[in-house]
Amino acid sequence: MKPRFPSLIAAPAEVRPRATKNARMVCRLILAVGFLATPVLMPSAGNAQDTRVAKSMAALKEKTAKLGAPKIEGMEEVGRAPALYFGSTKMNNNFIVVDEIAKEGGRGMAATLFVKSGDEYIRVATNVPMPGGKGRAIGTVLAGPALEAIQAGKAYYGNAPILGTPYITGYEPIKDASGAVIGVYFVGYSRSDLDAMVEGRLAYAKTMLGITADQATAWKAYEDASRANVQNLQAAHEERVAAERLGSPIDRMHAETDEMQSQLDAMKALQPPTEALYNALTPDQQDRADIVLLLLGRTGGGVSFEH
């Protein structure tokens, strides 16, 4: 990503426009919100544990419960996995429910039903894609931190890699009438697109500012706060999108005001680490920040705001 006006950035300090106190305050706010928050206005993936996952999990459990009690009965010939049923409905290679959850959950959402087979949990209904995007990941097994939680009979919510792709996830055990764990519910969405945009912008800003070893601590605090706030803003945005799609006018009003409040909270949370970083910069770096970050804030870094 290149600045729109590279000649301004490359110009010697003595010929670059000097920022006034007010202009520098504006730049602080842009550094805090405009530079990194603009991607969350897109309906893209990316958020730490949030209500999107919780709502999709509740929907998955509700839809399967309506079919009947879960049980294992026999083997599925295709894939040679135990046959997972809810009531009289066999879930192996049955994608109706998981695809409904993915559609209702919005862009990037995925859902899976696992069945227990020995010490493993096998995907028998899923819309998680195989690496490379060639078909559904049927027959692949649960791995990573979620497996440890499920083996202990506990739910897992948080970041987890799925077949090499980072997801924001929720896993809960499926239990039969006796209370035995016979499978796993999964919902989650990929955050790789949003991560790439955020990390790209952070790397760009760090390079353009020329952050030194002495400034590394201040920069790290700014990076951490920025990532956390992007995740919170994305959660609020997804709430508003869901309300616009499924909610009443009152739901939409509340979701919109919640999103606005989240934007204000993000700005307030980022202000201390942003000011600390700005104060740690040399005058020459501050000049570059005033120009580079202001331009990125005005242009949005090429990010589309279309929903």
Foldseek 3Di string as FASTA:
>chain_A
DDFPCVCLLPDDPVPHDDDDPVLLVVLLLLLLDLLQQLVLLDQDDDAWDFVLQVVLLVQLVVVLVVQAFWDWDAFDPVLGHTFIHHNPDTQFVPAPSQVVSQVLSGPFKKKFKWFDDPLWTFTRYIPPAAVVRDHRRGGDTDDDPQSVQVVVQHKDFTWDDDNRFIWGKIKHFRAGPVRDGGIIIMMIGTRVVSVVSNVVSLVVLCVSLVDDPVLVVLSVVLSVLSSNLSNQLSNLSSQLVSCVVDNDPVSNVVSVVVNVVSSVVSSVSNSVSSVVSLVPGDSSSSSSSSPRSVSCSVCVVPDDSDD
